[in-house]
């Protein structure tokens, strides 16, 4: 029986039986396999975290859908038991702006310490429905809470901005504020020549009812169509504007308002002369007026601010986004009557 070479150092002397085998050589490339295994694991972990984050964002968005939370920023110190709240109307008025005002007013309703409002307006106006919604919400707030509201005009508070302001008890404007522009405007594009002559596109319209497509961006309007739009859209919106101003400005008769309601804008001193506003001053003056109307000598003045949200960052409704969908095409092609001053901003 061969027990191997007893002189071999790799074998034990006892019986010549080897006690162990030499360690096998490392396989080529095993380090890279470990490295790529770590990378793959980290990648999978990152994907899981991303999915969880997106789920969390979706839950937050769904839970807060339709509701906007506003925080308070203290503008002037005073006893918290008596607050004057500043509600802002800033920029062109649309459905979003009207919703923001609604939630600011709801925040004020939920605070038993609020004794009065300042509606800070810096807006050239906007949609008829948005302006009317804001006006209505201010009136409702005053009626339900029996609290005063003072409009404070900065920069431009024209057309729909003025429409919203007349819902308040008093109107104070900065010396350089521009207001007025009582009237209605509707503009739209006629694309007939561009489509037919330049692009060779012939729109086809199938309708039931002769006025169904009035006005149409695919043809120049006739005198009959222009008169129809004037009577059915512009005049009722104009009469509504006049009525709102007459109701809100006790010092003006309907004849006074119609004289002023030719779309003209007014510098603050002229607006005061025409009784479109009640005073000229700055925010401090508006605050003192609100305190006086609320019957308080000292108050903490707070302004409602919309806190930053990740949804704002992820929102597609940004100034730099280009989103062409059915709604965008509708808004571009269909005429809209507006309470809007279209002068330089």
Protein backbone atom coordinates (compact mmCIF):
# COMPACT_ATOMS: atom_id res chain seq x y z
CA UNK A 1 0.00 0.00 0.00
CA UNK A 2 1.41 3.30 -1.04
CA UNK A 3 1.20 5.95 1.65
CA UNK A 4 2.86 8.55 -0.45
CA UNK A 5 6.16 10.21 0.02
CA UNK A 6 6.77 10.58 3.72
CA UNK A 7 9.41 13.14 3.00
CA UNK A 8 6.94 15.42 1.31
CA UNK A 9 6.50 18.44 3.67
CA UNK A 10 2.89 18.75 2.61
CA UNK A 11 2.16 15.44 4.30
CA UNK A 12 2.20 14.47 7.98
CA UNK A 13 4.85 12.07 9.19
CA UNK A 14 2.22 9.90 10.84
CA UNK A 15 1.40 7.21 8.37
CA UNK A 16 2.28 9.49 5.48
CA UNK A 17 -1.33 10.69 5.33
CA UNK A 18 -1.68 14.34 4.22
CA UNK A 19 -3.59 16.44 6.81
CA UNK A 20 -4.68 19.23 4.41
CA UNK A 21 -4.71 20.30 0.78
CA UNK A 22 -3.19 23.55 -0.53
CA UNK A 23 -5.70 26.52 -0.65
CA UNK A 24 -7.23 26.80 -4.12
CA UNK A 25 -6.16 29.84 -6.15
CA UNK A 26 -8.68 32.72 -6.34
CA UNK A 27 -10.73 32.70 -9.51
CA UNK A 28 -9.91 35.47 -11.93
CA UNK A 29 -12.44 38.37 -11.90
CA UNK A 30 -14.15 37.47 -8.59
CA UNK A 31 -13.41 40.98 -7.19
CA UNK A 32 -15.31 42.62 -10.05
CA UNK A 33 -18.27 40.34 -9.39
CA UNK A 34 -18.38 41.50 -5.78
CA UNK A 35 -18.10 45.12 -6.88
CA UNK A 36 -20.92 44.88 -9.40
CA UNK A 37 -23.01 42.99 -6.85
CA UNK A 38 -22.71 45.94 -4.46
CA UNK A 39 -23.58 48.40 -7.23
CA UNK A 40 -26.64 46.35 -8.23
CA UNK A 41 -27.81 46.17 -4.62
CA UNK A 42 -27.46 49.91 -4.15
CA UNK A 43 -29.31 50.53 -7.40
CA UNK A 44 -32.19 48.32 -6.34
CA UNK A 45 -32.30 50.08 -2.96
CA UNK A 46 -32.39 53.47 -4.71
CA UNK A 47 -35.25 52.36 -6.94
CA UNK A 48 -37.22 51.15 -3.92
CA UNK A 49 -36.67 54.47 -2.14
CA UNK A 50 -37.76 56.38 -5.26
CA UNK A 51 -40.94 54.35 -5.54
CA UNK A 52 -41.72 54.91 -1.86
CA UNK A 53 -41.11 58.66 -2.25
CA UNK A 54 -43.46 58.85 -5.25
CA UNK A 55 -46.10 56.93 -3.34
CA UNK A 56 -45.72 59.36 -0.44
CA UNK A 57 -46.04 62.36 -2.74
CA UNK A 58 -49.16 60.84 -4.27
CA UNK A 59 -50.70 60.26 -0.85
CA UNK A 60 -49.96 63.83 0.23
CA UNK A 61 -51.35 65.21 -3.03
CA UNK A 62 -54.51 63.13 -2.76
CA UNK A 63 -55.01 63.92 0.93
CA UNK A 64 -54.63 67.64 0.33
CA UNK A 65 -56.49 67.75 -2.94
CA UNK A 66 -58.65 70.84 -3.23
CA UNK A 67 -57.36 72.28 0.04
CA UNK A 68 -54.65 74.89 0.47
CA UNK A 69 -53.04 75.56 3.80
CA UNK A 70 -51.85 79.08 4.54
CA UNK A 71 -49.47 80.08 7.29
CA UNK A 72 -49.29 83.38 9.16
CA UNK A 73 -46.50 85.90 8.85
CA UNK A 74 -46.57 88.60 11.51
CA UNK A 75 -46.41 92.05 9.89
CA UNK A 76 -47.03 94.12 13.01
CA UNK A 77 -46.78 93.00 16.62
CA UNK A 78 -49.73 93.31 18.93
CA UNK A 79 -52.02 91.23 21.15
CA UNK A 80 -52.88 87.90 19.55
CA UNK A 81 -56.36 88.19 20.99
CA UNK A 82 -57.11 90.79 18.32
CA UNK A 83 -55.83 90.18 14.81
CA UNK A 84 -56.10 92.00 11.50
CA UNK A 85 -55.53 89.51 8.68
CA UNK A 86 -54.16 90.46 5.27
CA UNK A 87 -55.59 88.51 2.32
CA UNK A 88 -53.71 88.93 -0.95
CA UNK A 89 -54.99 89.18 -4.54
CA UNK A 90 -51.81 89.23 -6.57
CA UNK A 91 -51.49 88.99 -10.34
CA UNK A 92 -53.99 88.09 -13.02
CA UNK A 93 -57.25 86.81 -11.59
CA UNK A 94 -58.23 83.31 -12.67
CA UNK A 95 -59.75 80.22 -11.08
CA UNK A 96 -56.52 79.51 -9.17
CA UNK A 97 -56.43 83.03 -7.74
CA UNK A 98 -60.08 82.81 -6.70
CA UNK A 99 -59.39 79.51 -4.93
CA UNK A 100 -56.41 80.99 -3.11
CA UNK A 101 -58.57 83.87 -1.83
CA UNK A 102 -61.25 81.40 -0.76
CA UNK A 103 -58.77 79.41 1.35
CA UNK A 104 -57.26 82.55 2.86
CA UNK A 105 -60.72 83.68 3.91
CA UNK A 106 -61.45 80.22 5.27
CA UNK A 107 -58.25 80.43 7.33
CA UNK A 108 -59.45 83.75 8.76
CA UNK A 109 -62.89 82.27 9.52
CA UNK A 110 -61.25 79.52 11.55
CA UNK A 111 -59.38 81.99 13.77
CA UNK A 112 -61.62 83.42 16.48
CA UNK A 113 -59.07 86.14 17.17
CA UNK A 114 -59.39 87.75 13.73
CA UNK A 115 -61.37 90.98 14.03
CA UNK A 116 -61.04 92.41 10.53
CA UNK A 117 -59.50 92.02 7.10
CA UNK A 118 -57.27 93.92 4.72
CA UNK A 119 -57.66 92.78 1.11
CA UNK A 120 -54.33 93.64 -0.49
CA UNK A 121 -54.91 94.05 -4.24
CA UNK A 122 -52.22 94.25 -6.91
CA UNK A 123 -53.97 92.94 -10.00
CA UNK A 124 -54.99 94.14 -13.47
CA UNK A 125 -58.05 91.88 -13.24
CA UNK A 126 -58.74 88.75 -15.22
CA UNK A 127 -61.62 86.40 -15.83
CA UNK A 128 -65.18 87.49 -15.13
CA UNK A 129 -65.98 84.37 -13.13
CA UNK A 130 -62.81 84.58 -11.02
CA UNK A 131 -63.39 88.26 -10.21
CA UNK A 132 -67.01 87.60 -9.32
CA UNK A 133 -66.13 84.64 -7.11
CA UNK A 134 -63.64 86.74 -5.13
CA UNK A 135 -66.17 89.57 -4.77
CA UNK A 136 -68.81 87.13 -3.58
CA UNK A 137 -66.50 85.45 -1.04
CA UNK A 138 -65.57 88.80 0.51
CA UNK A 139 -69.24 89.79 0.79
CA UNK A 140 -70.09 86.41 2.35
CA UNK A 141 -67.25 86.75 4.84
CA UNK A 142 -68.40 90.20 5.94
CA UNK A 143 -72.03 89.06 6.27
CA UNK A 144 -71.22 85.84 8.14
CA UNK A 145 -68.65 87.24 10.56
CA UNK A 146 -69.86 90.83 10.86
CA UNK A 147 -66.23 91.88 10.45
CA UNK A 148 -65.01 94.83 8.36
CA UNK A 149 -62.80 94.55 5.30
CA UNK A 150 -60.55 97.27 3.91
CA UNK A 151 -59.20 97.06 0.36
CA UNK A 152 -55.61 98.24 0.01
CA UNK A 153 -54.53 98.94 -3.58
CA UNK A 154 -50.90 98.64 -4.63
CA UNK A 155 -49.43 99.03 -8.10
CA UNK A 156 -52.39 98.17 -10.31
CA UNK A 157 -55.86 97.41 -8.97
CA UNK A 158 -57.86 97.78 -12.16
CA UNK A 159 -60.86 96.14 -13.80
CA UNK A 160 -61.34 92.80 -12.00
CA UNK A 161 -59.00 94.09 -9.30
CA UNK A 162 -61.35 97.01 -8.72
CA UNK A 163 -64.39 94.69 -9.04
CA UNK A 164 -63.00 92.67 -6.11
CA UNK A 165 -62.15 95.79 -4.09
CA UNK A 166 -65.66 97.24 -4.05
CA UNK A 167 -66.78 94.28 -1.93
CA UNK A 168 -64.96 95.94 0.99
CA UNK A 169 -66.18 98.59 3.43
CA UNK A 170 -63.43 101.03 2.53
CA UNK A 171 -60.80 101.36 -0.20
CA UNK A 172 -57.35 102.84 0.45
CA UNK A 173 -54.92 103.24 -2.46
CA UNK A 174 -51.23 104.03 -2.55
CA UNK A 175 -50.47 107.43 -4.15
CA UNK A 176 -49.06 105.72 -7.24
CA UNK A 177 -51.77 103.07 -7.60
CA UNK A 178 -53.69 102.75 -10.86
CA UNK A 179 -57.33 101.72 -10.63
CA UNK A 180 -60.61 101.95 -12.53
CA UNK A 181 -60.77 100.35 -15.99
CA UNK A 182 -64.43 99.54 -15.41
CA UNK A 183 -65.49 97.66 -18.49
CA UNK A 184 -65.32 94.39 -20.42
CA UNK A 185 -62.99 93.23 -23.16
CA UNK A 186 -63.03 90.21 -25.43
CA UNK A 187 -60.33 89.37 -27.94
CA UNK A 188 -59.70 86.40 -30.16
CA UNK A 189 -57.67 85.41 -33.20
CA UNK A 190 -59.05 84.75 -36.66
CA UNK A 191 -56.85 82.05 -38.19
CA UNK A 192 -58.59 81.73 -41.55
CA UNK A 193 -55.84 83.16 -43.77
CA UNK A 194 -53.06 81.41 -41.88
CA UNK A 195 -54.71 78.03 -42.10
CA UNK A 196 -56.08 78.20 -45.63
CA UNK A 197 -53.60 80.37 -47.54
CA UNK A 198 -50.34 79.59 -45.74
CA UNK A 199 -50.79 76.05 -44.47
CA UNK A 200 -53.41 74.70 -46.83
CA UNK A 201 -55.69 73.62 -43.99
CA UNK A 202 -59.44 73.89 -44.48
CA UNK A 203 -61.39 73.59 -41.19
CA UNK A 204 -64.66 71.67 -41.38
CA UNK A 205 -67.47 72.62 -39.00
CA UNK A 206 -70.56 70.45 -38.61
CA UNK A 207 -73.26 72.03 -36.48
CA UNK A 208 -76.93 72.11 -35.61
CA UNK A 209 -78.07 75.64 -34.87
CA UNK A 210 -76.98 78.56 -37.00
CA UNK A 211 -75.25 80.40 -34.13
CA UNK A 212 -73.54 77.37 -32.61
CA UNK A 213 -70.04 78.38 -33.75
CA UNK A 214 -70.36 82.14 -33.20
CA UNK A 215 -67.72 83.52 -33.01
CA UNK A 216 -65.44 81.24 -34.98
CA UNK A 217 -61.65 81.54 -35.26
CA UNK A 218 -61.97 80.07 -38.76
CA UNK A 219 -63.77 83.00 -40.36
CA UNK A 220 -64.03 86.78 -40.06
CA UNK A 221 -67.09 87.75 -38.00
CA UNK A 222 -69.99 89.43 -39.74
CA UNK A 223 -71.70 92.55 -38.39
CA UNK A 224 -74.54 90.33 -37.23
CA UNK A 225 -72.15 88.10 -35.29
CA UNK A 226 -70.40 91.08 -33.65
CA UNK A 227 -73.75 92.54 -32.61
CA UNK A 228 -74.79 89.15 -31.26
CA UNK A 229 -71.64 88.90 -29.09
CA UNK A 230 -72.11 92.46 -27.89
CA UNK A 231 -75.68 91.82 -26.78
CA UNK A 232 -75.24 88.32 -25.38
CA UNK A 233 -71.80 88.58 -23.73
CA UNK A 234 -70.33 92.06 -23.43
CA UNK A 235 -73.40 94.09 -22.39
CA UNK A 236 -74.58 91.70 -19.62
CA UNK A 237 -71.04 91.51 -18.20
CA UNK A 238 -70.76 95.30 -18.35
CA UNK A 239 -74.12 95.80 -16.61
CA UNK A 240 -73.04 93.36 -13.93
CA UNK A 241 -69.84 95.34 -13.33
CA UNK A 242 -71.78 98.61 -13.08
CA UNK A 243 -74.24 97.10 -10.59
CA UNK A 244 -71.46 95.75 -8.39
CA UNK A 245 -69.80 99.18 -8.24
CA UNK A 246 -73.10 100.95 -7.51
CA UNK A 247 -73.84 98.49 -4.69
CA UNK A 248 -70.35 98.80 -3.25
CA UNK A 249 -69.86 102.56 -3.51
CA UNK A 250 -72.64 104.36 -1.67
CA UNK A 251 -71.43 107.75 -2.83
CA UNK A 252 -71.93 106.94 -6.52
CA UNK A 253 -75.18 106.73 -8.46
CA UNK A 254 -75.64 104.47 -11.46
CA UNK A 255 -75.32 107.52 -13.72
CA UNK A 256 -72.00 108.38 -12.01
CA UNK A 257 -70.67 104.88 -12.48
CA UNK A 258 -71.70 104.65 -16.13
CA UNK A 259 -69.96 107.97 -16.76
CA UNK A 260 -66.76 106.57 -15.25
CA UNK A 261 -67.16 103.09 -16.73
CA UNK A 262 -65.71 103.72 -20.16
CA UNK A 263 -62.63 101.61 -19.49
CA UNK A 264 -60.57 104.59 -18.31
CA UNK A 265 -57.87 104.11 -15.70
CA UNK A 266 -57.38 106.56 -12.85
CA UNK A 267 -54.38 107.64 -10.80
CA UNK A 268 -55.09 107.51 -7.07
CA UNK A 269 -55.80 111.23 -6.62
CA UNK A 270 -58.24 111.25 -9.55
CA UNK A 271 -59.89 108.07 -8.25
CA UNK A 272 -60.38 109.79 -4.89
CA UNK A 273 -61.86 112.84 -6.57
CA UNK A 274 -64.32 110.61 -8.46
CA UNK A 275 -65.21 108.72 -5.24
CA UNK A 276 -63.94 105.42 -6.59
CA UNK A 277 -61.79 105.11 -3.45
CA UNK A 278 -62.00 106.46 0.10
CA UNK A 279 -58.45 107.50 0.83
CA UNK A 280 -54.82 107.62 -0.24
CA UNK A 281 -52.12 106.11 1.92
CA UNK A 282 -49.92 103.14 2.61
CA UNK A 283 -50.32 99.84 4.41
CA UNK A 284 -50.05 101.52 7.82
CA UNK A 285 -53.02 103.71 6.94
CA UNK A 286 -55.05 100.71 5.80
CA UNK A 287 -54.21 98.91 9.05
CA UNK A 288 -55.37 101.87 11.13
CA UNK A 289 -58.60 102.06 9.12
CA UNK A 290 -59.24 98.35 9.68
CA UNK A 291 -58.63 98.72 13.43
CA UNK A 292 -60.99 101.67 13.56
CA UNK A 293 -63.76 99.79 11.76
CA UNK A 294 -63.17 96.68 13.91
CA UNK A 295 -63.33 98.74 17.11
CA UNK A 296 -59.89 97.71 18.39
CA UNK A 297 -57.03 100.01 19.39
CA UNK A 298 -54.23 97.46 19.19
CA UNK A 299 -53.99 94.33 17.09
CA UNK A 300 -51.51 91.87 15.73
CA UNK A 301 -51.37 92.17 11.95
CA UNK A 302 -50.74 88.92 10.07
CA UNK A 303 -50.49 88.12 6.39
CA UNK A 304 -51.41 84.74 4.98
CA UNK A 305 -48.65 83.00 3.04
CA UNK A 306 -48.78 79.80 1.07
CA UNK A 307 -45.97 77.54 2.34
CA UNK A 308 -43.58 75.91 -0.12
CA UNK A 309 -44.71 72.48 -1.17
CA UNK A 310 -43.00 69.73 -3.11
CA UNK A 311 -46.14 69.71 -5.24
CA UNK A 312 -45.34 73.28 -6.30
CA UNK A 313 -41.96 72.09 -7.51
CA UNK A 314 -43.42 69.11 -9.35
CA UNK A 315 -46.43 70.98 -10.70
CA UNK A 316 -46.75 71.23 -14.46
CA UNK A 317 -48.44 74.60 -14.11
CA UNK A 318 -45.27 76.67 -14.19
CA UNK A 319 -44.42 79.71 -16.22
CA UNK A 320 -41.84 77.79 -18.23
CA UNK A 321 -43.87 74.72 -19.03
CA UNK A 322 -45.35 74.17 -22.46
CA UNK A 323 -48.37 71.96 -22.20
CA UNK A 324 -50.54 71.62 -25.27
CA UNK A 325 -53.73 69.77 -24.43
CA UNK A 326 -57.42 70.13 -25.19
CA UNK A 327 -57.95 72.71 -22.46
CA UNK A 328 -55.02 74.85 -23.66
CA UNK A 329 -56.28 74.76 -27.24
CA UNK A 330 -59.75 75.69 -26.00
CA UNK A 331 -58.46 78.68 -24.04
CA UNK A 332 -56.40 79.90 -27.00
CA UNK A 333 -59.06 79.50 -29.66
CA UNK A 334 -62.30 80.38 -27.83
CA UNK A 335 -62.98 84.08 -27.08
CA UNK A 336 -63.22 85.02 -23.43
CA UNK A 337 -64.89 88.12 -22.02
CA UNK A 338 -62.62 89.54 -19.32
CA UNK A 339 -62.58 92.14 -16.59
CA UNK A 340 -58.98 92.91 -17.48
CA UNK A 341 -56.89 96.00 -18.04
CA UNK A 342 -54.58 95.12 -20.94
CA UNK A 343 -52.32 98.14 -20.59
CA UNK A 344 -48.60 97.97 -19.71
CA UNK A 345 -47.87 96.10 -16.50
